All heavy atoms as atom14 arrays in JSON, in Angstrom:
{
  "sequence": "LVVCEAGDVIPGDGDVVEGVASVDESAITGESAPVIRESGGDRSAVT",
  "atom14_mask": [
    [1, 1, 1, 1, 1, 1, 1, 1, 0, 0, 0, 0, 0, 0],
    [1, 1, 1, 1, 1, 1, 1, 0, 0, 0, 0, 0, 0, 0],
    [1, 1, 1, 1, 1, 1, 1, 0, 0, 0, 0, 0, 0, 0],
    [1, 1, 1, 1, 1, 1, 0, 0, 0, 0, 0, 0, 0, 0],
    [1, 1, 1, 1, 1, 1, 1, 1, 1, 0, 0, 0, 0, 0],
    [1, 1, 1, 1, 1, 0, 0, 0, 0, 0, 0, 0, 0, 0],
    [1, 1, 1, 1, 0, 0, 0, 0, 0, 0, 0, 0, 0, 0],
    [1, 1, 1, 1, 1, 1, 1, 1, 0, 0, 0, 0, 0, 0],
    [1, 1, 1, 1, 1, 1, 1, 0, 0, 0, 0, 0, 0, 0],
    [1, 1, 1, 1, 1, 1, 1, 1, 0, 0, 0, 0, 0, 0],
    [1, 1, 1, 1, 1, 1, 1, 0, 0, 0, 0, 0, 0, 0],
    [1, 1, 1, 1, 0, 0, 0, 0, 0, 0, 0, 0, 0, 0],
    [1, 1, 1, 1, 1, 1, 1, 1, 0, 0, 0, 0, 0, 0],
    [1, 1, 1, 1, 0, 0, 0, 0, 0, 0, 0, 0, 0, 0],
    [1, 1, 1, 1, 1, 1, 1, 1, 0, 0, 0, 0, 0, 0],
    [1, 1, 1, 1, 1, 1, 1, 0, 0, 0, 0, 0, 0, 0],
    [1, 1, 1, 1, 1, 1, 1, 0, 0, 0, 0, 0, 0, 0],
    [1, 1, 1, 1, 1, 1, 1, 1, 1, 0, 0, 0, 0, 0],
    [1, 1, 1, 1, 0, 0, 0, 0, 0, 0, 0, 0, 0, 0],
    [1, 1, 1, 1, 1, 1, 1, 0, 0, 0, 0, 0, 0, 0],
    [1, 1, 1, 1, 1, 0, 0, 0, 0, 0, 0, 0, 0, 0],
    [1, 1, 1, 1, 1, 1, 0, 0, 0, 0, 0, 0, 0, 0],
    [1, 1, 1, 1, 1, 1, 1, 0, 0, 0, 0, 0, 0, 0],
    [1, 1, 1, 1, 1, 1, 1, 1, 0, 0, 0, 0, 0, 0],
    [1, 1, 1, 1, 1, 1, 1, 1, 1, 0, 0, 0, 0, 0],
    [1, 1, 1, 1, 1, 1, 0, 0, 0, 0, 0, 0, 0, 0],
    [1, 1, 1, 1, 1, 0, 0, 0, 0, 0, 0, 0, 0, 0],
    [1, 1, 1, 1, 1, 1, 1, 1, 0, 0, 0, 0, 0, 0],
    [1, 1, 1, 1, 1, 1, 1, 0, 0, 0, 0, 0, 0, 0],
    [1, 1, 1, 1, 0, 0, 0, 0, 0, 0, 0, 0, 0, 0],
    [1, 1, 1, 1, 1, 1, 1, 1, 1, 0, 0, 0, 0, 0],
    [1, 1, 1, 1, 1, 1, 0, 0, 0, 0, 0, 0, 0, 0],
    [1, 1, 1, 1, 1, 0, 0, 0, 0, 0, 0, 0, 0, 0],
    [1, 1, 1, 1, 1, 1, 1, 0, 0, 0, 0, 0, 0, 0],
    [1, 1, 1, 1, 1, 1, 1, 0, 0, 0, 0, 0, 0, 0],
    [1, 1, 1, 1, 1, 1, 1, 1, 0, 0, 0, 0, 0, 0],
    [1, 1, 1, 1, 1, 1, 1, 1, 1, 1, 1, 0, 0, 0],
    [1, 1, 1, 1, 1, 1, 1, 1, 1, 0, 0, 0, 0, 0],
    [1, 1, 1, 1, 1, 1, 0, 0, 0, 0, 0, 0, 0, 0],
    [1, 1, 1, 1, 0, 0, 0, 0, 0, 0, 0, 0, 0, 0],
    [1, 1, 1, 1, 0, 0, 0, 0, 0, 0, 0, 0, 0, 0],
    [1, 1, 1, 1, 1, 1, 1, 1, 0, 0, 0, 0, 0, 0],
    [1, 1, 1, 1, 1, 1, 1, 1, 1, 1, 1, 0, 0, 0],
    [1, 1, 1, 1, 1, 1, 0, 0, 0, 0, 0, 0, 0, 0],
    [1, 1, 1, 1, 1, 0, 0, 0, 0, 0, 0, 0, 0, 0],
    [1, 1, 1, 1, 1, 1, 1, 0, 0, 0, 0, 0, 0, 0],
    [1, 1, 1, 1, 1, 1, 1, 0, 0, 0, 0, 0, 0, 0]
  ],
  "atom14_positions": [
    [[0.79, -1.25, 0.08], [0.0, 0.02, 0.01], [0.93, 1.24, 0.01], [1.84, 1.35, 0.83], [-0.92, 0.04, 1.21], [-1.91, -1.09, 1.38], [-2.75, -0.99, 2.71], [-2.91, -1.13, 0.13], [0.0, 0.0, 0.0], [0.0, 0.0, 0.0], [0.0, 0.0, 0.0], [0.0, 0.0, 0.0], [0.0, 0.0, 0.0], [0.0, 0.0, 0.0]],
    [[0.64, 2.14, -0.92], [1.47, 3.37, -1.0], [0.47, 4.59, -0.95], [-0.66, 4.49, -1.44], [2.29, 3.39, -2.28], [3.28, 2.29, -2.26], [1.48, 3.37, -3.52], [0.0, 0.0, 0.0], [0.0, 0.0, 0.0], [0.0, 0.0, 0.0], [0.0, 0.0, 0.0], [0.0, 0.0, 0.0], [0.0, 0.0, 0.0], [0.0, 0.0, 0.0]],
    [[1.0, 5.72, -0.41], [0.25, 6.94, -0.31], [0.74, 7.86, -1.38], [1.95, 8.09, -1.55], [0.4, 7.57, 1.09], [-0.38, 8.85, 1.19], [-0.1, 6.58, 2.16], [0.0, 0.0, 0.0], [0.0, 0.0, 0.0], [0.0, 0.0, 0.0], [0.0, 0.0, 0.0], [0.0, 0.0, 0.0], [0.0, 0.0, 0.0], [0.0, 0.0, 0.0]],
    [[-0.17, 8.55, -2.1], [0.13, 9.5, -3.13], [-0.71, 10.74, -2.89], [-1.99, 10.69, -2.75], [-0.09, 8.98, -4.47], [1.11, 7.7, -5.02], [0.0, 0.0, 0.0], [0.0, 0.0, 0.0], [0.0, 0.0, 0.0], [0.0, 0.0, 0.0], [0.0, 0.0, 0.0], [0.0, 0.0, 0.0], [0.0, 0.0, 0.0], [0.0, 0.0, 0.0]],
    [[-0.06, 11.88, -2.79], [-0.75, 13.17, -2.66], [-0.43, 14.08, -3.81], [0.4, 13.7, -4.71], [-0.34, 13.84, -1.34], [-0.78, 13.0, -0.11], [-0.36, 13.66, 1.19], [0.68, 14.31, 1.25], [-1.04, 13.59, 2.15], [0.0, 0.0, 0.0], [0.0, 0.0, 0.0], [0.0, 0.0, 0.0], [0.0, 0.0, 0.0], [0.0, 0.0, 0.0]],
    [[-1.04, 15.27, -3.86], [-0.86, 16.17, -4.97], [0.61, 16.42, -5.23], [1.43, 16.71, -4.32], [-1.57, 17.51, -4.66], [0.0, 0.0, 0.0], [0.0, 0.0, 0.0], [0.0, 0.0, 0.0], [0.0, 0.0, 0.0], [0.0, 0.0, 0.0], [0.0, 0.0, 0.0], [0.0, 0.0, 0.0], [0.0, 0.0, 0.0], [0.0, 0.0, 0.0]],
    [[1.02, 16.24, -6.58], [2.41, 16.41, -6.94], [3.14, 15.19, -6.96], [4.27, 15.16, -7.54], [0.0, 0.0, 0.0], [0.0, 0.0, 0.0], [0.0, 0.0, 0.0], [0.0, 0.0, 0.0], [0.0, 0.0, 0.0], [0.0, 0.0, 0.0], [0.0, 0.0, 0.0], [0.0, 0.0, 0.0], [0.0, 0.0, 0.0], [0.0, 0.0, 0.0]],
    [[2.72, 14.06, -6.36], [3.44, 12.81, -6.39], [3.25, 12.04, -7.67], [2.18, 12.07, -8.29], [2.92, 11.9, -5.23], [3.34, 12.43, -3.88], [4.22, 13.3, -3.74], [2.74, 12.0, -2.85], [0.0, 0.0, 0.0], [0.0, 0.0, 0.0], [0.0, 0.0, 0.0], [0.0, 0.0, 0.0], [0.0, 0.0, 0.0], [0.0, 0.0, 0.0]],
    [[4.3, 11.39, -8.11], [4.27, 10.46, -9.24], [3.88, 9.05, -8.7], [4.5, 8.6, -7.78], [5.59, 10.43, -9.99], [5.55, 9.41, -11.09], [5.9, 11.75, -10.54], [0.0, 0.0, 0.0], [0.0, 0.0, 0.0], [0.0, 0.0, 0.0], [0.0, 0.0, 0.0], [0.0, 0.0, 0.0], [0.0, 0.0, 0.0], [0.0, 0.0, 0.0]],
    [[2.84, 8.53, -9.31], [2.43, 7.18, -8.88], [3.51, 6.18, -9.19], [3.96, 6.07, -10.32], [1.04, 6.79, -9.56], [0.0, 7.77, -9.16], [0.71, 5.35, -9.27], [-1.33, 7.55, -9.8], [0.0, 0.0, 0.0], [0.0, 0.0, 0.0], [0.0, 0.0, 0.0], [0.0, 0.0, 0.0], [0.0, 0.0, 0.0], [0.0, 0.0, 0.0]],
    [[4.04, 5.45, -8.2], [5.23, 4.59, -8.41], [5.0, 3.3, -9.15], [6.0, 2.67, -9.56], [5.72, 4.35, -6.99], [4.48, 4.39, -6.15], [3.57, 5.4, -6.86], [0.0, 0.0, 0.0], [0.0, 0.0, 0.0], [0.0, 0.0, 0.0], [0.0, 0.0, 0.0], [0.0, 0.0, 0.0], [0.0, 0.0, 0.0], [0.0, 0.0, 0.0]],
    [[3.81, 2.84, -9.31], [3.57, 1.59, -9.94], [2.12, 1.34, -10.29], [1.22, 2.07, -9.78], [0.0, 0.0, 0.0], [0.0, 0.0, 0.0], [0.0, 0.0, 0.0], [0.0, 0.0, 0.0], [0.0, 0.0, 0.0], [0.0, 0.0, 0.0], [0.0, 0.0, 0.0], [0.0, 0.0, 0.0], [0.0, 0.0, 0.0], [0.0, 0.0, 0.0]],
    [[1.83, 0.36, -11.05], [0.41, 0.05, -11.42], [-0.34, -0.43, -10.21], [0.28, -1.25, -9.38], [0.39, -1.02, -12.5], [0.98, -0.59, -13.85], [1.39, 0.61, -13.89], [0.97, -1.35, -14.79], [0.0, 0.0, 0.0], [0.0, 0.0, 0.0], [0.0, 0.0, 0.0], [0.0, 0.0, 0.0], [0.0, 0.0, 0.0], [0.0, 0.0, 0.0]],
    [[-1.56, -0.07, -10.06], [-2.29, -0.46, -8.9], [-3.75, -0.08, -8.98], [-4.21, 0.48, -10.01], [0.0, 0.0, 0.0], [0.0, 0.0, 0.0], [0.0, 0.0, 0.0], [0.0, 0.0, 0.0], [0.0, 0.0, 0.0], [0.0, 0.0, 0.0], [0.0, 0.0, 0.0], [0.0, 0.0, 0.0], [0.0, 0.0, 0.0], [0.0, 0.0, 0.0]],
    [[-4.5, -0.23, -7.84], [-5.84, 0.19, -7.69], [-6.0, 1.1, -6.5], [-5.33, 0.9, -5.43], [-6.72, -1.03, -7.49], [-6.87, -1.94, -8.73], [-6.82, -1.36, -9.85], [-6.82, -3.15, -8.57], [0.0, 0.0, 0.0], [0.0, 0.0, 0.0], [0.0, 0.0, 0.0], [0.0, 0.0, 0.0], [0.0, 0.0, 0.0], [0.0, 0.0, 0.0]],
    [[-6.81, 2.14, -6.66], [-7.03, 3.02, -5.52], [-7.99, 2.32, -4.59], [-9.04, 1.87, -4.96], [-7.74, 4.32, -5.98], [-8.08, 5.22, -4.81], [-6.83, 5.08, -7.03], [0.0, 0.0, 0.0], [0.0, 0.0, 0.0], [0.0, 0.0, 0.0], [0.0, 0.0, 0.0], [0.0, 0.0, 0.0], [0.0, 0.0, 0.0], [0.0, 0.0, 0.0]],
    [[-7.57, 2.17, -3.31], [-8.4, 1.53, -2.3], [-8.88, 2.49, -1.28], [-9.78, 2.08, -0.47], [-7.58, 0.38, -1.63], [-7.18, -0.68, -2.58], [-6.32, 0.98, -0.96], [0.0, 0.0, 0.0], [0.0, 0.0, 0.0], [0.0, 0.0, 0.0], [0.0, 0.0, 0.0], [0.0, 0.0, 0.0], [0.0, 0.0, 0.0], [0.0, 0.0, 0.0]],
    [[-8.47, 3.72, -1.38], [-8.97, 4.73, -0.4], [-8.84, 6.11, -1.02], [-7.77, 6.45, -1.5], [-8.2, 4.66, 0.95], [-8.72, 5.63, 2.0], [-7.84, 5.57, 3.27], [-7.55, 4.5, 3.68], [-7.45, 6.65, 3.74], [0.0, 0.0, 0.0], [0.0, 0.0, 0.0], [0.0, 0.0, 0.0], [0.0, 0.0, 0.0], [0.0, 0.0, 0.0]],
    [[-9.89, 6.94, -0.96], [-9.81, 8.3, -1.44], [-10.19, 8.48, -2.93], [-10.51, 7.51, -3.68], [0.0, 0.0, 0.0], [0.0, 0.0, 0.0], [0.0, 0.0, 0.0], [0.0, 0.0, 0.0], [0.0, 0.0, 0.0], [0.0, 0.0, 0.0], [0.0, 0.0, 0.0], [0.0, 0.0, 0.0], [0.0, 0.0, 0.0], [0.0, 0.0, 0.0]],
    [[-10.16, 9.73, -3.31], [-10.38, 10.12, -4.67], [-9.45, 11.24, -5.06], [-9.14, 12.1, -4.25], [-11.86, 10.54, -4.89], [-12.21, 11.71, -3.97], [-12.17, 10.95, -6.33], [0.0, 0.0, 0.0], [0.0, 0.0, 0.0], [0.0, 0.0, 0.0], [0.0, 0.0, 0.0], [0.0, 0.0, 0.0], [0.0, 0.0, 0.0], [0.0, 0.0, 0.0]],
    [[-8.95, 11.23, -6.29], [-7.95, 12.23, -6.67], [-8.09, 12.49, -8.2], [-8.51, 11.67, -8.94], [-6.56, 11.8, -6.32], [0.0, 0.0, 0.0], [0.0, 0.0, 0.0], [0.0, 0.0, 0.0], [0.0, 0.0, 0.0], [0.0, 0.0, 0.0], [0.0, 0.0, 0.0], [0.0, 0.0, 0.0], [0.0, 0.0, 0.0], [0.0, 0.0, 0.0]],
    [[-7.57, 13.74, -8.58], [-7.48, 13.97, -10.02], [-6.06, 13.66, -10.41], [-5.08, 13.97, -9.74], [-7.68, 15.55, -10.21], [-7.44, 15.94, -11.51], [0.0, 0.0, 0.0], [0.0, 0.0, 0.0], [0.0, 0.0, 0.0], [0.0, 0.0, 0.0], [0.0, 0.0, 0.0], [0.0, 0.0, 0.0], [0.0, 0.0, 0.0], [0.0, 0.0, 0.0]],
    [[-5.93, 12.89, -11.59], [-4.69, 12.37, -11.98], [-4.38, 12.84, -13.48], [-5.25, 12.79, -14.32], [-4.72, 10.85, -11.99], [-3.45, 10.16, -12.44], [-5.03, 10.32, -10.57], [0.0, 0.0, 0.0], [0.0, 0.0, 0.0], [0.0, 0.0, 0.0], [0.0, 0.0, 0.0], [0.0, 0.0, 0.0], [0.0, 0.0, 0.0], [0.0, 0.0, 0.0]],
    [[-3.13, 13.25, -13.59], [-2.64, 13.61, -14.89], [-2.06, 12.36, -15.6], [-1.0, 11.87, -15.22], [-1.59, 14.68, -14.79], [-0.98, 15.05, -16.14], [-1.49, 14.64, -17.2], [0.01, 15.79, -16.18], [0.0, 0.0, 0.0], [0.0, 0.0, 0.0], [0.0, 0.0, 0.0], [0.0, 0.0, 0.0], [0.0, 0.0, 0.0], [0.0, 0.0, 0.0]],
    [[-2.7, 11.84, -16.66], [-2.25, 10.62, -17.36], [-1.63, 10.97, -18.66], [-1.47, 10.07, -19.51], [-3.39, 9.69, -17.56], [-4.01, 9.09, -16.18], [-4.92, 7.99, -16.44], [-5.5, 7.88, -17.62], [-5.15, 7.16, -15.5], [0.0, 0.0, 0.0], [0.0, 0.0, 0.0], [0.0, 0.0, 0.0], [0.0, 0.0, 0.0], [0.0, 0.0, 0.0]],
    [[-1.3, 12.22, -18.9], [-0.72, 12.61, -20.2], [0.61, 11.9, -20.5], [0.89, 11.7, -21.66], [-0.5, 14.15, -20.27], [0.42, 14.56, -19.29], [0.0, 0.0, 0.0], [0.0, 0.0, 0.0], [0.0, 0.0, 0.0], [0.0, 0.0, 0.0], [0.0, 0.0, 0.0], [0.0, 0.0, 0.0], [0.0, 0.0, 0.0], [0.0, 0.0, 0.0]],
    [[1.31, 11.51, -19.54], [2.56, 10.78, -19.75], [2.31, 9.43, -20.39], [3.2, 8.87, -21.03], [3.33, 10.56, -18.43], [0.0, 0.0, 0.0], [0.0, 0.0, 0.0], [0.0, 0.0, 0.0], [0.0, 0.0, 0.0], [0.0, 0.0, 0.0], [0.0, 0.0, 0.0], [0.0, 0.0, 0.0], [0.0, 0.0, 0.0], [0.0, 0.0, 0.0]],
    [[1.06, 8.92, -20.27], [0.8, 7.63, -20.86], [-0.13, 7.84, -22.08], [0.13, 7.21, -23.15], [0.04, 6.78, -19.79], [0.86, 6.57, -18.53], [-0.33, 5.39, -20.43], [2.19, 5.99, -18.78], [0.0, 0.0, 0.0], [0.0, 0.0, 0.0], [0.0, 0.0, 0.0], [0.0, 0.0, 0.0], [0.0, 0.0, 0.0], [0.0, 0.0, 0.0]],
    [[-1.14, 8.65, -21.96], [-2.11, 8.74, -23.06], [-1.85, 9.93, -24.0], [-2.38, 9.95, -25.09], [-3.53, 8.88, -22.47], [-3.61, 10.12, -21.9], [-3.79, 7.77, -21.5], [0.0, 0.0, 0.0], [0.0, 0.0, 0.0], [0.0, 0.0, 0.0], [0.0, 0.0, 0.0], [0.0, 0.0, 0.0], [0.0, 0.0, 0.0], [0.0, 0.0, 0.0]],
    [[-1.17, 10.97, -23.56], [-1.01, 12.11, -24.33], [-2.12, 13.12, -24.22], [-2.11, 14.2, -24.81], [0.0, 0.0, 0.0], [0.0, 0.0, 0.0], [0.0, 0.0, 0.0], [0.0, 0.0, 0.0], [0.0, 0.0, 0.0], [0.0, 0.0, 0.0], [0.0, 0.0, 0.0], [0.0, 0.0, 0.0], [0.0, 0.0, 0.0], [0.0, 0.0, 0.0]],
    [[-3.16, 12.71, -23.53], [-4.34, 13.49, -23.38], [-4.19, 14.44, -22.19], [-3.92, 13.99, -21.07], [-5.64, 12.6, -23.16], [-6.97, 13.37, -23.12], [-7.26, 14.05, -24.49], [-6.82, 13.55, -25.49], [-7.92, 15.07, -24.46], [0.0, 0.0, 0.0], [0.0, 0.0, 0.0], [0.0, 0.0, 0.0], [0.0, 0.0, 0.0], [0.0, 0.0, 0.0]],
    [[-4.29, 15.75, -22.41], [-3.92, 16.69, -21.37], [-4.96, 16.81, -20.24], [-4.61, 17.22, -19.12], [-3.69, 18.1, -21.99], [-4.86, 18.48, -22.64], [0.0, 0.0, 0.0], [0.0, 0.0, 0.0], [0.0, 0.0, 0.0], [0.0, 0.0, 0.0], [0.0, 0.0, 0.0], [0.0, 0.0, 0.0], [0.0, 0.0, 0.0], [0.0, 0.0, 0.0]],
    [[-6.26, 16.55, -20.55], [-7.28, 16.74, -19.5], [-7.07, 15.68, -18.38], [-6.92, 14.51, -18.65], [-8.63, 16.56, -20.14], [0.0, 0.0, 0.0], [0.0, 0.0, 0.0], [0.0, 0.0, 0.0], [0.0, 0.0, 0.0], [0.0, 0.0, 0.0], [0.0, 0.0, 0.0], [0.0, 0.0, 0.0], [0.0, 0.0, 0.0], [0.0, 0.0, 0.0]],
    [[-7.11, 16.14, -17.16], [-6.96, 15.17, -15.97], [-8.15, 14.31, -15.97], [-9.26, 14.57, -16.37], [-6.78, 16.11, -14.85], [-7.48, 17.34, -15.24], [-7.24, 17.51, -16.64], [0.0, 0.0, 0.0], [0.0, 0.0, 0.0], [0.0, 0.0, 0.0], [0.0, 0.0, 0.0], [0.0, 0.0, 0.0], [0.0, 0.0, 0.0], [0.0, 0.0, 0.0]],
    [[-8.0, 13.12, -15.21], [-9.12, 12.21, -14.99], [-9.24, 11.93, -13.54], [-8.33, 12.22, -12.74], [-8.9, 10.88, -15.73], [-8.86, 11.09, -17.26], [-7.63, 10.22, -15.31], [0.0, 0.0, 0.0], [0.0, 0.0, 0.0], [0.0, 0.0, 0.0], [0.0, 0.0, 0.0], [0.0, 0.0, 0.0], [0.0, 0.0, 0.0], [0.0, 0.0, 0.0]],
    [[-10.43, 11.47, -13.12], [-10.73, 11.2, -11.67], [-10.48, 9.71, -11.48], [-10.92, 8.85, -12.24], [-12.18, 11.54, -11.39], [-12.46, 13.03, -11.63], [-12.44, 11.15, -9.95], [-11.6, 13.95, -10.79], [0.0, 0.0, 0.0], [0.0, 0.0, 0.0], [0.0, 0.0, 0.0], [0.0, 0.0, 0.0], [0.0, 0.0, 0.0], [0.0, 0.0, 0.0]],
    [[-9.75, 9.43, -10.39], [-9.51, 8.05, -10.02], [-9.96, 7.95, -8.53], [-9.59, 8.74, -7.71], [-7.98, 7.69, -10.14], [-7.58, 7.56, -11.63], [-8.18, 6.37, -12.24], [-7.94, 6.39, -13.73], [-8.79, 6.71, -14.58], [-9.99, 7.17, -14.29], [-8.48, 6.57, -15.93], [0.0, 0.0, 0.0], [0.0, 0.0, 0.0], [0.0, 0.0, 0.0]],
    [[-10.8, 6.89, -8.23], [-11.31, 6.78, -6.97], [-11.5, 5.28, -6.6], [-11.5, 4.41, -7.47], [-12.74, 7.46, -6.85], [-13.73, 6.89, -7.87], [-15.02, 7.73, -7.97], [-15.25, 8.46, -7.06], [-15.7, 7.63, -9.04], [0.0, 0.0, 0.0], [0.0, 0.0, 0.0], [0.0, 0.0, 0.0], [0.0, 0.0, 0.0], [0.0, 0.0, 0.0]],
    [[-11.64, 5.07, -5.29], [-11.71, 3.65, -4.81], [-13.05, 3.07, -5.28], [-14.12, 3.74, -5.3], [-11.57, 3.59, -3.3], [-12.58, 4.36, -2.65], [0.0, 0.0, 0.0], [0.0, 0.0, 0.0], [0.0, 0.0, 0.0], [0.0, 0.0, 0.0], [0.0, 0.0, 0.0], [0.0, 0.0, 0.0], [0.0, 0.0, 0.0], [0.0, 0.0, 0.0]],
    [[-13.01, 1.78, -5.58], [-14.21, 1.09, -6.05], [-14.6, 1.44, -7.45], [-14.19, 2.42, -8.0], [0.0, 0.0, 0.0], [0.0, 0.0, 0.0], [0.0, 0.0, 0.0], [0.0, 0.0, 0.0], [0.0, 0.0, 0.0], [0.0, 0.0, 0.0], [0.0, 0.0, 0.0], [0.0, 0.0, 0.0], [0.0, 0.0, 0.0], [0.0, 0.0, 0.0]],
    [[-15.46, 0.63, -8.05], [-15.98, 0.91, -9.37], [-14.96, 0.74, -10.47], [-13.95, 0.04, -10.35], [0.0, 0.0, 0.0], [0.0, 0.0, 0.0], [0.0, 0.0, 0.0], [0.0, 0.0, 0.0], [0.0, 0.0, 0.0], [0.0, 0.0, 0.0], [0.0, 0.0, 0.0], [0.0, 0.0, 0.0], [0.0, 0.0, 0.0], [0.0, 0.0, 0.0]],
    [[-15.3, 1.35, -11.57], [-14.53, 1.21, -12.82], [-13.34, 2.17, -12.95], [-12.63, 2.09, -13.97], [-15.44, 1.32, -14.06], [-16.5, 0.19, -14.09], [-16.15, -0.93, -13.71], [-17.62, 0.52, -14.46], [0.0, 0.0, 0.0], [0.0, 0.0, 0.0], [0.0, 0.0, 0.0], [0.0, 0.0, 0.0], [0.0, 0.0, 0.0], [0.0, 0.0, 0.0]],
    [[-13.2, 3.18, -12.04], [-12.25, 4.15, -12.2], [-11.2, 4.08, -11.09], [-10.74, 5.1, -10.58], [-12.88, 5.57, -12.3], [-13.81, 5.66, -13.51], [-14.27, 7.14, -13.69], [-14.99, 7.68, -12.59], [-15.46, 8.88, -12.56], [-15.24, 9.74, -13.5], [-16.16, 9.35, -11.48], [0.0, 0.0, 0.0], [0.0, 0.0, 0.0], [0.0, 0.0, 0.0]],
    [[-10.83, 2.89, -10.67], [-9.89, 2.8, -9.59], [-8.51, 2.51, -10.06], [-7.52, 2.63, -9.32], [-10.37, 1.67, -8.6], [-10.4, 0.38, -9.27], [0.0, 0.0, 0.0], [0.0, 0.0, 0.0], [0.0, 0.0, 0.0], [0.0, 0.0, 0.0], [0.0, 0.0, 0.0], [0.0, 0.0, 0.0], [0.0, 0.0, 0.0], [0.0, 0.0, 0.0]],
    [[-8.33, 1.96, -11.31], [-7.05, 1.58, -11.81], [-6.18, 2.81, -12.11], [-6.63, 3.76, -12.69], [-7.22, 0.78, -13.0], [0.0, 0.0, 0.0], [0.0, 0.0, 0.0], [0.0, 0.0, 0.0], [0.0, 0.0, 0.0], [0.0, 0.0, 0.0], [0.0, 0.0, 0.0], [0.0, 0.0, 0.0], [0.0, 0.0, 0.0], [0.0, 0.0, 0.0]],
    [[-4.89, 2.72, -11.65], [-3.94, 3.82, -11.93], [-2.71, 3.15, -12.52], [-2.41, 1.98, -12.34], [-3.59, 4.61, -10.66], [-4.75, 5.41, -10.17], [-3.11, 3.72, -9.57], [0.0, 0.0, 0.0], [0.0, 0.0, 0.0], [0.0, 0.0, 0.0], [0.0, 0.0, 0.0], [0.0, 0.0, 0.0], [0.0, 0.0, 0.0], [0.0, 0.0, 0.0]],
    [[-1.91, 3.89, -13.26], [-0.81, 3.49, -13.96], [0.49, 4.15, -13.45], [0.48, 5.38, -13.21], [-0.92, 3.69, -15.52], [-2.11, 3.14, -15.94], [0.2, 3.06, -16.28], [0.0, 0.0, 0.0], [0.0, 0.0, 0.0], [0.0, 0.0, 0.0], [0.0, 0.0, 0.0], [0.0, 0.0, 0.0], [0.0, 0.0, 0.0], [0.0, 0.0, 0.0]]
  ]
}
């Protein structure tokens, strides 16, 4: 389990198990608009 706050780079692939955050995925997708990642449901996976 790792903690990530504003400004942190997510260190590995995983699932959000607690909290909700806005994530910049442009390093992977090239899409500049941030996305929401939250625990549970279909939007918990992070890269």
